[in-house]
Amino acid sequence: MTSLAVMELNNNNNNTTNVDESRNEGSEKYLRELTKTFTGIDKPLKNARKCETLTDLIGELRKTFDSDHVNIEYVNHLMLSYQSNAAEWRKFAKFDRYRYTRNLVDAGNGKYNLMILCWNEGHASAIHDHADSHCFMKMLKGQLMETRYAWPKEATATEDNKADIGNGQTGEEEIEYNGDELEELSRSTMETNGVCYINDTLGLHRVENPSHTDVAVSLHLYCPPFDVCSIFNKQNGKRTKCKVTFWSKFGKREPTNVN
């Protein structure tokens, strides 16, 4: 291949990359705008396609997110329509003795993260936001209790923290911060195949497995995906930036998280 042909090929590849990046940015902006008005749906849409298997769900999500203007109501419908089958998701369900785990199932070409979270008895998240993204949570096994909170009146952010939202610790308790206690908005218990939805317009939340005898497994969809969010101190509303990580990806343990 001549040098001129190579240059043309590289230019074409660069143009394609630029177009893809532009589309992703447009789609992400559109999704974030929807968090200002969307509040979730309670029942599947009538006459809409149902996902019989986890593979069907992943395939339909990829098709849906291929558009620049995602129908977020249809995404909610898909999560509602899928019925849990342990034989399909068991390979992604990785537990840790000390904290709940986040296990990536599908990265959605960078437009969403579909993951399975595994909760041993009594495990809980810290109070956290969702980085201006949509969060769908579906129960696959057991129960989870969701507690929602109003945003603090003063939410000062600290420097980046190496803590993970899974361990429920901010690592900042030693720093004095005189804020008001977070206002609790609601509490609800999710049963198997139930779906709940939250975004930052609707508030913050904490999720926990209230059982002391049974584990819980949940399926989460975040769109757009994020790797940094904020966690909050319940007593004084102190806000801390926090990186979020995966315990495993596509059924395999992440080496960086191995002790």
Protein backbone atom coordinates (compact mmCIF):
# COMPACT_ATOMS: atom_id res chain seq x y z
CA MET A 1 0.00 0.00 0.00
CA THR A 2 1.38 3.41 -0.95
CA SER A 3 2.03 6.09 1.64
CA LEU A 4 -0.78 8.19 0.11
CA ALA A 5 -3.22 5.31 0.45
CA VAL A 6 -2.15 4.78 4.06
CA MET A 7 -2.71 8.47 4.79
CA GLU A 8 -6.19 8.32 3.23
CA LEU A 9 -7.01 5.19 5.23
CA ASN A 10 -5.86 6.83 8.45
CA ASN A 11 -7.87 9.95 7.66
CA ASN A 12 -10.97 7.83 7.03
CA ASN A 13 -10.45 6.02 10.31
CA ASN A 14 -9.99 9.31 12.14
CA ASN A 15 -13.14 10.72 10.56
CA THR A 16 -15.10 7.62 11.58
CA THR A 17 -13.77 7.91 15.13
CA ASN A 18 -14.71 11.58 15.28
CA VAL A 19 -18.24 10.82 14.06
CA ASP A 20 -18.66 8.04 16.63
CA GLU A 21 -17.40 10.28 19.43
CA SER A 22 -19.73 13.06 18.33
CA ARG A 23 -22.70 10.66 18.29
CA ASN A 24 -21.82 9.36 21.77
CA GLU A 25 -21.55 12.89 23.11
CA GLY A 26 -24.90 13.82 21.60
CA SER A 27 -26.56 10.69 22.99
CA GLU A 28 -25.02 11.27 26.43
CA LYS A 29 -26.21 14.88 26.52
CA TYR A 30 -29.71 13.78 25.51
CA LEU A 31 -29.82 11.12 28.24
CA ARG A 32 -28.65 13.53 30.92
CA GLU A 33 -31.31 16.04 29.91
CA LEU A 34 -33.97 13.36 30.40
CA THR A 35 -33.03 12.97 34.08
CA LYS A 36 -34.71 16.34 34.69
CA THR A 37 -38.15 15.00 33.74
CA PHE A 38 -38.18 11.18 33.73
CA THR A 39 -39.41 9.49 36.91
CA GLY A 40 -39.77 5.87 35.79
CA ILE A 41 -42.68 3.61 34.89
CA ASP A 42 -44.29 0.97 37.12
CA LYS A 43 -45.56 -1.54 34.54
CA PRO A 44 -44.30 -2.88 31.19
CA LEU A 45 -45.57 -1.08 28.11
CA LYS A 46 -48.51 -2.67 26.30
CA ASN A 47 -47.73 -4.45 23.02
CA ALA A 48 -44.00 -3.77 23.40
CA ARG A 49 -41.33 -6.42 22.89
CA LYS A 50 -40.58 -8.53 25.96
CA CYS A 51 -37.19 -10.01 26.79
CA GLU A 52 -37.48 -13.70 27.56
CA THR A 53 -33.79 -14.21 28.41
CA LEU A 54 -30.82 -12.21 29.65
CA THR A 55 -29.28 -12.55 26.18
CA ASP A 56 -32.46 -11.05 24.69
CA LEU A 57 -32.28 -8.19 27.16
CA ILE A 58 -28.66 -7.38 26.29
CA GLY A 59 -29.35 -7.59 22.57
CA GLU A 60 -32.40 -5.30 22.75
CA LEU A 61 -30.57 -2.80 24.95
CA ARG A 62 -27.75 -2.58 22.41
CA LYS A 63 -30.24 -1.93 19.62
CA THR A 64 -32.04 0.70 21.68
CA PHE A 65 -28.86 2.55 22.62
CA ASP A 66 -27.65 2.54 19.03
CA SER A 67 -29.91 5.56 18.52
CA ASP A 68 -28.78 9.09 19.32
CA HIS A 69 -32.14 9.68 21.03
CA VAL A 70 -32.77 6.74 23.35
CA ASN A 71 -36.34 5.97 24.39
CA ILE A 72 -35.67 5.79 28.13
CA GLU A 73 -39.24 4.67 28.82
CA TYR A 74 -38.64 1.65 26.58
CA VAL A 75 -35.40 0.91 28.46
CA ASN A 76 -37.43 0.90 31.68
CA HIS A 77 -39.92 -1.44 30.00
CA LEU A 78 -37.17 -3.88 29.02
CA MET A 79 -35.90 -4.08 32.59
CA LEU A 80 -39.45 -4.72 33.80
CA SER A 81 -40.17 -7.36 31.15
CA TYR A 82 -37.18 -9.60 31.88
CA GLN A 83 -37.92 -12.32 34.43
CA SER A 84 -35.03 -13.53 36.57
CA ASN A 85 -33.48 -16.88 35.66
CA ALA A 86 -30.51 -17.84 37.84
CA ALA A 87 -29.19 -20.23 35.20
CA GLU A 88 -28.57 -17.20 32.95
CA TRP A 89 -26.95 -14.77 35.39
CA ARG A 90 -25.23 -17.11 37.86
CA LYS A 91 -21.87 -16.91 36.05
CA PHE A 92 -21.78 -13.14 36.64
CA ALA A 93 -22.74 -13.32 40.32
CA LYS A 94 -19.50 -12.96 42.28
CA PHE A 95 -19.72 -12.48 46.05
CA ASP A 96 -17.25 -11.03 48.52
CA ARG A 97 -17.28 -11.80 52.22
CA TYR A 98 -16.81 -8.22 53.36
CA ARG A 99 -18.79 -5.99 50.98
CA TYR A 100 -21.24 -6.07 48.11
CA THR A 101 -19.75 -6.47 44.63
CA ARG A 102 -20.31 -4.74 41.27
CA ASN A 103 -19.94 -7.19 38.37
CA LEU A 104 -20.01 -5.87 34.80
CA VAL A 105 -22.21 -7.87 32.42
CA ASP A 106 -22.27 -5.59 29.35
CA ALA A 107 -20.60 -2.24 28.60
CA GLY A 108 -23.08 -1.25 25.88
CA ASN A 109 -20.50 0.22 23.49
CA GLY A 110 -19.74 2.89 26.07
CA LYS A 111 -23.34 4.14 26.29
CA TYR A 112 -24.42 2.18 29.38
CA ASN A 113 -23.23 -0.30 31.97
CA LEU A 114 -25.32 -3.36 32.77
CA MET A 115 -24.09 -5.05 35.93
CA ILE A 116 -25.03 -7.54 38.58
CA LEU A 117 -24.58 -6.56 42.22
CA CYS A 118 -24.21 -9.27 44.84
CA TRP A 119 -25.10 -8.64 48.47
CA ASN A 120 -24.23 -10.97 51.31
CA GLU A 121 -26.28 -10.85 54.49
CA GLY A 122 -26.45 -7.33 55.90
CA HIS A 123 -24.36 -5.71 53.16
CA ALA A 124 -25.19 -2.10 52.27
CA SER A 125 -24.00 0.74 50.09
CA ALA A 126 -23.09 4.21 51.28
CA ILE A 127 -25.58 7.00 50.58
CA HIS A 128 -24.73 8.08 47.06
CA ASP A 129 -25.77 9.97 43.94
CA HIS A 130 -25.67 8.74 40.33
CA ALA A 131 -23.43 11.30 38.60
CA ASP A 132 -26.34 12.80 36.63
CA SER A 133 -27.21 9.42 35.05
CA HIS A 134 -30.23 7.12 34.99
CA CYS A 135 -30.22 4.18 37.41
CA PHE A 136 -32.50 1.15 36.96
CA MET A 137 -32.33 -1.56 39.60
CA LYS A 138 -34.05 -4.95 39.22
CA MET A 139 -34.17 -7.69 41.84
CA LEU A 140 -32.96 -11.08 40.62
CA LYS A 141 -32.87 -12.87 43.99
CA GLY A 142 -33.86 -12.04 47.55
CA GLN A 143 -34.80 -8.58 48.82
CA LEU A 144 -33.19 -5.16 49.04
CA MET A 145 -34.31 -2.12 50.98
CA GLU A 146 -33.89 1.28 49.35
CA THR A 147 -33.82 4.42 51.50
CA ARG A 148 -34.04 7.74 49.66
CA TYR A 149 -32.73 11.06 50.92
CA ALA A 150 -33.04 14.69 49.90
CA TRP A 151 -29.90 16.45 48.74
CA PRO A 152 -28.08 18.27 51.56
CA LYS A 153 -28.57 22.01 51.73
CA GLU A 154 -24.81 22.43 51.63
CA ALA A 155 -23.00 19.69 49.70
CA THR A 156 -19.32 20.61 49.78
CA ALA A 157 -17.20 18.09 47.86
CA THR A 158 -13.79 17.02 49.09
CA GLU A 159 -10.86 15.83 47.02
CA ASP A 160 -11.09 12.49 45.23
CA ASN A 161 -11.30 9.56 47.61
CA LYS A 162 -10.05 6.03 47.04
CA ALA A 163 -13.02 4.61 48.94
CA ASP A 164 -15.52 2.43 47.14
CA ILE A 165 -19.25 2.96 47.65
CA GLY A 166 -19.51 -0.76 48.39
CA ASN A 167 -17.73 -0.54 51.74
CA GLY A 168 -19.97 2.17 53.15
CA GLN A 169 -17.03 4.24 54.38
CA THR A 170 -16.15 7.77 53.29
CA GLY A 171 -12.73 7.85 54.89
CA GLU A 172 -13.39 11.51 55.80
CA GLU A 173 -15.04 11.27 59.23
CA GLU A 174 -12.05 12.83 60.96
CA ILE A 175 -12.60 16.15 59.15
CA GLU A 176 -15.00 18.49 60.96
CA TYR A 177 -18.03 19.44 58.91
CA ASN A 178 -21.03 21.15 60.43
CA GLY A 179 -23.95 20.40 58.15
CA ASP A 180 -27.53 19.25 58.71
CA GLU A 181 -28.51 15.60 58.87
CA LEU A 182 -29.85 14.28 55.58
CA GLU A 183 -33.63 14.29 55.31
CA GLU A 184 -35.07 10.82 54.69
CA LEU A 185 -37.69 10.84 51.94
CA SER A 186 -38.87 7.24 51.75
CA ARG A 187 -38.14 3.57 52.37
CA SER A 188 -39.21 0.67 50.20
CA THR A 189 -38.42 -3.02 49.90
CA MET A 190 -37.79 -4.57 46.51
CA GLU A 191 -38.92 -8.14 45.87
CA THR A 192 -37.67 -10.52 43.18
CA ASN A 193 -38.35 -9.17 39.64
CA GLY A 194 -39.30 -5.76 41.01
CA VAL A 195 -37.70 -2.69 39.38
CA CYS A 196 -37.01 0.74 40.82
CA TYR A 197 -35.64 3.85 39.15
CA ILE A 198 -33.72 6.84 40.46
CA ASN A 199 -31.76 9.80 39.14
CA ASP A 200 -30.21 12.82 40.83
CA THR A 201 -33.33 14.94 40.34
CA LEU A 202 -35.22 12.43 42.51
CA GLY A 203 -32.61 12.44 45.28
CA LEU A 204 -29.92 10.24 46.81
CA HIS A 205 -30.26 6.70 48.03
CA ARG A 206 -28.78 3.91 50.12
CA VAL A 207 -29.38 0.25 49.30
CA GLU A 208 -29.01 -2.63 51.73
CA ASN A 209 -29.77 -6.30 52.16
CA PRO A 210 -31.86 -6.35 55.35
CA SER A 211 -31.66 -10.13 55.73
CA HIS A 212 -29.30 -11.80 58.19
CA THR A 213 -29.82 -15.21 56.60
CA ASP A 214 -30.24 -14.75 52.84
CA VAL A 215 -28.11 -13.21 50.10
CA ALA A 216 -29.50 -10.86 47.44
CA VAL A 217 -28.67 -10.31 43.76
CA SER A 218 -29.72 -7.29 41.70
CA LEU A 219 -29.37 -6.21 38.07
CA HIS A 220 -28.44 -2.55 37.49
CA LEU A 221 -28.40 -0.41 34.37
CA TYR A 222 -26.57 2.94 34.44
CA CYS A 223 -26.80 5.25 31.44
CA PRO A 224 -24.64 7.06 30.64
CA PRO A 225 -22.01 5.00 32.50
CA PHE A 226 -19.83 6.67 35.13
CA ASP A 227 -16.73 5.81 37.17
CA VAL A 228 -16.94 8.62 39.75
CA CYS A 229 -19.90 9.54 41.94
CA SER A 230 -20.40 11.17 45.34
CA ILE A 231 -21.09 9.60 48.71
CA PHE A 232 -22.67 11.42 51.63
CA ASN A 233 -22.42 11.37 55.41
CA LYS A 234 -25.92 10.89 56.84
CA GLN A 235 -25.24 12.86 60.02
CA ASN A 236 -23.95 16.07 58.44
CA GLY A 237 -24.46 15.82 54.66
CA LYS A 238 -20.74 15.94 53.91
CA ARG A 239 -20.11 15.05 50.28
CA THR A 240 -17.07 13.12 49.06
CA LYS A 241 -16.10 12.22 45.51
CA CYS A 242 -15.63 8.50 45.13
CA LYS A 243 -14.35 6.22 42.38
CA VAL A 244 -16.48 3.21 41.57
CA THR A 245 -14.92 -0.03 40.40
CA PHE A 246 -15.90 -3.49 39.21
CA TRP A 247 -15.25 -6.61 41.23
CA SER A 248 -15.43 -8.62 38.00
CA LYS A 249 -16.01 -8.04 34.30
CA PHE A 250 -17.92 -10.41 32.01
CA GLY A 251 -17.73 -13.20 34.58
CA LYS A 252 -13.99 -12.88 35.30
CA ARG A 253 -12.36 -11.38 38.40
CA GLU A 254 -10.65 -8.04 37.89
CA PRO A 255 -6.90 -8.51 38.74
CA THR A 256 -6.58 -4.97 40.12
CA ASN A 257 -9.14 -5.79 42.81
CA VAL A 258 -7.49 -8.97 44.00
CA ASN A 259 -5.99 -8.53 47.50
